[in-house]
């Protein structure tokens, strides 16, 4: 699974094989068509992407990833925020959000 935290300028990404294992990799790419293409090239075609929708900042990511055949799951923002608040660490960073 590829968890992606979307902001205006960047996409903070974390690849997880399972919730019990540490992240396989984590990186940040620009929130641009080129950055999204880099994620498409780096992830497996059957790997689901989990994105917290942020309106106009996440829309290009979702459209481009789905056009490339990726499964994009949209996390409900309220539930995602509640889940992240319940687990450690409690720091608010994009990298931690992408893993959550």
N, C-alpha and C. Protein backbone atom coordinates (compact mmCIF):
# COMPACT_ATOMS: atom_id res chain seq x y z
N UNK A 1 0.85 -1.16 0.00
CA UNK A 1 0.00 0.00 0.00
C UNK A 1 0.90 1.22 0.00
N UNK A 2 0.49 2.24 -0.74
CA UNK A 2 1.20 3.50 -0.79
C UNK A 2 0.33 4.56 -0.15
N UNK A 3 0.77 5.08 1.00
CA UNK A 3 0.06 6.15 1.69
C UNK A 3 0.61 7.49 1.24
N UNK A 4 -0.28 8.41 0.89
CA UNK A 4 0.15 9.70 0.36
C UNK A 4 -0.54 10.82 1.12
N UNK A 5 0.27 11.72 1.69
CA UNK A 5 -0.25 12.93 2.31
C UNK A 5 -0.05 14.06 1.31
N UNK A 6 -1.14 14.71 0.94
CA UNK A 6 -1.13 15.72 -0.12
C UNK A 6 -1.08 17.11 0.47
N UNK A 7 -0.18 17.92 -0.04
CA UNK A 7 -0.19 19.34 0.28
C UNK A 7 -0.13 20.11 -1.04
N UNK A 8 -0.15 21.41 -0.95
CA UNK A 8 -0.16 22.25 -2.15
C UNK A 8 1.06 22.00 -3.02
N UNK A 9 2.23 21.84 -2.41
CA UNK A 9 3.46 21.74 -3.19
C UNK A 9 4.10 20.37 -3.19
N UNK A 10 3.78 19.50 -2.21
CA UNK A 10 4.46 18.21 -2.14
C UNK A 10 3.49 17.06 -1.89
N UNK A 11 3.99 15.87 -2.19
CA UNK A 11 3.31 14.62 -1.88
C UNK A 11 4.26 13.82 -1.01
N UNK A 12 3.92 13.64 0.26
CA UNK A 12 4.72 12.83 1.18
C UNK A 12 4.20 11.40 1.09
N UNK A 13 5.07 10.47 0.73
CA UNK A 13 4.64 9.11 0.42
C UNK A 13 5.38 8.09 1.27
N UNK A 14 4.65 7.05 1.66
CA UNK A 14 5.23 5.94 2.42
C UNK A 14 4.66 4.64 1.88
N UNK A 15 5.55 3.71 1.53
CA UNK A 15 5.10 2.40 1.07
C UNK A 15 5.17 1.42 2.23
N UNK A 16 4.04 0.74 2.48
CA UNK A 16 3.94 -0.26 3.54
C UNK A 16 3.52 -1.59 2.94
N UNK A 17 4.15 -2.67 3.41
CA UNK A 17 3.71 -4.00 3.00
C UNK A 17 2.63 -4.53 3.93
N UNK A 18 2.75 -4.17 5.21
CA UNK A 18 1.72 -4.52 6.19
C UNK A 18 1.81 -3.53 7.34
N UNK A 19 0.80 -3.51 8.17
CA UNK A 19 0.78 -2.60 9.31
C UNK A 19 1.77 -3.02 10.39
N UNK A 20 2.18 -4.28 10.38
CA UNK A 20 3.09 -4.78 11.40
C UNK A 20 4.56 -4.60 11.03
N UNK A 21 4.86 -4.23 9.80
CA UNK A 21 6.25 -4.10 9.36
C UNK A 21 6.61 -2.63 9.18
N UNK A 22 7.90 -2.32 9.28
CA UNK A 22 8.31 -0.93 9.04
C UNK A 22 8.11 -0.56 7.57
N UNK A 23 8.12 0.72 7.31
CA UNK A 23 7.95 1.21 5.94
C UNK A 23 9.06 0.67 5.04
N UNK A 24 8.68 0.34 3.81
CA UNK A 24 9.66 -0.12 2.83
C UNK A 24 10.48 1.08 2.35
N UNK A 25 9.79 2.16 2.03
CA UNK A 25 10.46 3.41 1.65
C UNK A 25 9.53 4.57 1.91
N UNK A 26 10.13 5.74 2.03
CA UNK A 26 9.38 6.98 2.21
C UNK A 26 10.10 8.07 1.44
N UNK A 27 9.34 8.90 0.76
CA UNK A 27 9.94 10.00 0.03
C UNK A 27 8.92 11.10 -0.18
N UNK A 28 9.40 12.23 -0.58
CA UNK A 28 8.54 13.36 -0.89
C UNK A 28 8.85 13.79 -2.31
N UNK A 29 7.78 13.98 -3.09
CA UNK A 29 7.94 14.43 -4.48
C UNK A 29 7.09 15.68 -4.67
N UNK A 30 7.41 16.48 -5.69
CA UNK A 30 6.59 17.66 -5.95
C UNK A 30 5.17 17.26 -6.35
N UNK A 31 4.20 18.06 -5.97
CA UNK A 31 2.82 17.82 -6.36
C UNK A 31 2.61 18.40 -7.76
N UNK A 32 3.22 17.73 -8.72
CA UNK A 32 3.17 18.12 -10.13
C UNK A 32 2.96 16.86 -10.97
N UNK A 33 2.60 17.01 -12.25
CA UNK A 33 2.48 15.82 -13.09
C UNK A 33 3.77 14.99 -13.14
N UNK A 34 4.92 15.64 -13.11
CA UNK A 34 6.20 14.92 -13.13
C UNK A 34 6.39 14.13 -11.83
N UNK A 35 6.08 14.75 -10.68
CA UNK A 35 6.19 14.06 -9.40
C UNK A 35 5.25 12.87 -9.32
N UNK A 36 4.04 13.04 -9.81
CA UNK A 36 3.06 11.95 -9.81
C UNK A 36 3.54 10.81 -10.71
N UNK A 37 4.10 11.16 -11.87
CA UNK A 37 4.63 10.14 -12.79
C UNK A 37 5.76 9.36 -12.12
N UNK A 38 6.55 10.03 -11.31
CA UNK A 38 7.63 9.36 -10.58
C UNK A 38 7.06 8.31 -9.61
N UNK A 39 5.95 8.65 -8.94
CA UNK A 39 5.31 7.69 -8.04
C UNK A 39 4.72 6.52 -8.81
N UNK A 40 4.12 6.80 -9.95
CA UNK A 40 3.55 5.73 -10.78
C UNK A 40 4.64 4.77 -11.21
N UNK A 41 5.79 5.29 -11.61
CA UNK A 41 6.90 4.45 -12.04
C UNK A 41 7.49 3.64 -10.88
N UNK A 42 7.45 4.20 -9.69
CA UNK A 42 8.08 3.55 -8.53
C UNK A 42 7.19 2.49 -7.88
N UNK A 43 5.89 2.61 -8.02
CA UNK A 43 4.98 1.67 -7.34
C UNK A 43 4.53 0.57 -8.29
N UNK A 44 4.18 -0.57 -7.69
CA UNK A 44 3.68 -1.70 -8.47
C UNK A 44 2.28 -1.39 -8.99
N UNK A 45 1.95 -1.89 -10.19
CA UNK A 45 0.63 -1.61 -10.77
C UNK A 45 -0.55 -2.08 -9.91
N UNK A 46 -0.35 -3.14 -9.13
CA UNK A 46 -1.46 -3.66 -8.32
C UNK A 46 -1.45 -3.13 -6.89
N UNK A 47 -0.56 -2.20 -6.59
CA UNK A 47 -0.46 -1.63 -5.25
C UNK A 47 -1.49 -0.52 -5.07
N UNK A 48 -2.38 -0.63 -4.07
CA UNK A 48 -3.36 0.44 -3.87
C UNK A 48 -2.72 1.69 -3.27
N UNK A 49 -3.22 2.83 -3.67
CA UNK A 49 -2.79 4.12 -3.14
C UNK A 49 -3.89 4.62 -2.20
N UNK A 50 -3.51 5.12 -1.04
CA UNK A 50 -4.47 5.68 -0.09
C UNK A 50 -4.16 7.17 0.05
N UNK A 51 -5.17 7.98 -0.25
CA UNK A 51 -5.01 9.44 -0.28
C UNK A 51 -6.12 10.06 0.56
N UNK A 52 -5.75 11.04 1.39
CA UNK A 52 -6.76 11.83 2.07
C UNK A 52 -7.12 12.98 1.13
N UNK A 53 -8.33 13.01 0.61
CA UNK A 53 -8.68 14.04 -0.38
C UNK A 53 -8.57 15.45 0.20
N UNK A 54 -7.92 16.31 -0.56
CA UNK A 54 -7.75 17.71 -0.14
C UNK A 54 -8.22 18.64 -1.24
N UNK A 55 -9.29 18.26 -1.90
CA UNK A 55 -9.87 19.12 -2.93
C UNK A 55 -8.96 19.30 -4.12
N UNK A 56 -8.71 20.53 -4.46
CA UNK A 56 -7.97 20.82 -5.70
C UNK A 56 -6.52 20.35 -5.66
N UNK A 57 -5.93 20.14 -4.48
CA UNK A 57 -4.55 19.70 -4.42
C UNK A 57 -4.41 18.20 -4.67
N UNK A 58 -5.42 17.42 -4.33
CA UNK A 58 -5.34 15.98 -4.55
C UNK A 58 -5.97 15.54 -5.87
N UNK A 59 -6.80 16.36 -6.45
CA UNK A 59 -7.51 15.99 -7.68
C UNK A 59 -6.56 15.56 -8.82
N UNK A 60 -5.52 16.33 -9.15
CA UNK A 60 -4.63 15.89 -10.24
C UNK A 60 -3.95 14.55 -9.94
N UNK A 61 -3.59 14.31 -8.69
CA UNK A 61 -2.98 13.04 -8.30
C UNK A 61 -3.93 11.89 -8.57
N UNK A 62 -5.16 12.02 -8.12
CA UNK A 62 -6.15 10.95 -8.28
C UNK A 62 -6.43 10.70 -9.76
N UNK A 63 -6.61 11.75 -10.54
CA UNK A 63 -6.91 11.60 -11.96
C UNK A 63 -5.76 10.93 -12.69
N UNK A 64 -4.54 11.41 -12.48
CA UNK A 64 -3.38 10.86 -13.19
C UNK A 64 -3.09 9.42 -12.78
N UNK A 65 -3.21 9.11 -11.49
CA UNK A 65 -2.97 7.75 -11.02
C UNK A 65 -4.01 6.77 -11.56
N UNK A 66 -5.28 7.18 -11.53
CA UNK A 66 -6.33 6.29 -12.05
C UNK A 66 -6.20 6.11 -13.56
N UNK A 67 -5.78 7.16 -14.28
CA UNK A 67 -5.56 7.04 -15.72
C UNK A 67 -4.44 6.06 -16.03
N UNK A 68 -3.49 5.92 -15.09
CA UNK A 68 -2.38 4.98 -15.25
C UNK A 68 -2.75 3.57 -14.76
N UNK A 69 -4.00 3.39 -14.35
CA UNK A 69 -4.46 2.08 -13.92
C UNK A 69 -4.27 1.77 -12.45
N UNK A 70 -3.92 2.76 -11.65
CA UNK A 70 -3.73 2.54 -10.22
C UNK A 70 -5.07 2.59 -9.49
N UNK A 71 -5.18 1.79 -8.45
CA UNK A 71 -6.34 1.84 -7.57
C UNK A 71 -6.08 2.92 -6.53
N UNK A 72 -6.93 3.93 -6.49
CA UNK A 72 -6.77 5.04 -5.55
C UNK A 72 -7.94 5.02 -4.58
N UNK A 73 -7.63 4.83 -3.31
CA UNK A 73 -8.64 4.82 -2.26
C UNK A 73 -8.61 6.17 -1.56
N UNK A 74 -9.77 6.74 -1.33
CA UNK A 74 -9.85 8.04 -0.68
C UNK A 74 -10.25 7.86 0.79
N UNK A 75 -9.35 8.23 1.67
CA UNK A 75 -9.61 8.12 3.11
C UNK A 75 -10.52 9.26 3.53
N UNK A 76 -11.50 8.97 4.35
CA UNK A 76 -12.38 10.02 4.84
C UNK A 76 -11.58 10.90 5.80
N UNK A 77 -11.49 12.21 5.51
CA UNK A 77 -10.62 13.08 6.32
C UNK A 77 -10.88 13.04 7.82
N UNK A 78 -12.13 13.03 8.23
CA UNK A 78 -12.46 13.03 9.66
C UNK A 78 -11.98 11.73 10.32
N UNK A 79 -12.20 10.61 9.66
CA UNK A 79 -11.78 9.32 10.23
C UNK A 79 -10.26 9.18 10.22
N UNK A 80 -9.62 9.67 9.16
CA UNK A 80 -8.15 9.61 9.08
C UNK A 80 -7.54 10.44 10.20
N UNK A 81 -8.07 11.62 10.44
CA UNK A 81 -7.56 12.50 11.49
C UNK A 81 -7.74 11.84 12.86
N UNK A 82 -8.89 11.22 13.10
CA UNK A 82 -9.15 10.56 14.38
C UNK A 82 -8.20 9.38 14.57
N UNK A 83 -7.97 8.62 13.52
CA UNK A 83 -7.04 7.48 13.62
C UNK A 83 -5.63 7.97 13.93
N UNK A 84 -5.16 8.96 13.20
CA UNK A 84 -3.80 9.46 13.42
C UNK A 84 -3.63 10.04 14.82
N UNK A 85 -4.69 10.63 15.35
CA UNK A 85 -4.62 11.18 16.71
C UNK A 85 -4.54 10.07 17.76
N UNK A 86 -4.98 8.87 17.42
CA UNK A 86 -5.02 7.78 18.39
C UNK A 86 -3.74 6.96 18.46
N UNK A 87 -2.85 7.12 17.49
CA UNK A 87 -1.62 6.32 17.47
C UNK A 87 -0.41 7.20 17.74
N UNK A 88 0.66 6.56 18.16
CA UNK A 88 1.92 7.28 18.39
C UNK A 88 2.73 7.24 17.12
N UNK A 89 3.60 8.15 16.88
CA UNK A 89 3.81 9.37 17.64
C UNK A 89 2.76 10.40 17.29
N UNK A 90 2.57 11.35 18.19
CA UNK A 90 1.52 12.35 18.03
C UNK A 90 1.96 13.58 17.26
N UNK A 91 3.20 13.59 16.78
CA UNK A 91 3.67 14.74 16.02
C UNK A 91 2.89 14.87 14.73
N UNK A 92 2.66 16.07 14.29
CA UNK A 92 1.90 16.32 13.07
C UNK A 92 2.89 16.67 11.96
N UNK A 93 3.25 15.69 11.16
CA UNK A 93 4.10 15.94 10.01
C UNK A 93 3.53 15.19 8.82
N UNK A 94 3.85 15.67 7.63
CA UNK A 94 3.37 15.01 6.42
C UNK A 94 3.91 13.60 6.30
N UNK A 95 5.17 13.38 6.69
CA UNK A 95 5.76 12.05 6.60
C UNK A 95 5.02 11.07 7.51
N UNK A 96 4.71 11.49 8.74
CA UNK A 96 3.97 10.62 9.64
C UNK A 96 2.54 10.40 9.15
N UNK A 97 1.92 11.42 8.58
CA UNK A 97 0.57 11.27 8.04
C UNK A 97 0.55 10.28 6.89
N UNK A 98 1.56 10.27 6.03
CA UNK A 98 1.56 9.35 4.89
C UNK A 98 1.69 7.91 5.37
N UNK A 99 2.42 7.68 6.45
CA UNK A 99 2.54 6.35 7.01
C UNK A 99 1.25 5.92 7.70
N UNK A 100 0.54 6.90 8.28
CA UNK A 100 -0.72 6.60 8.97
C UNK A 100 -1.82 6.28 8.02
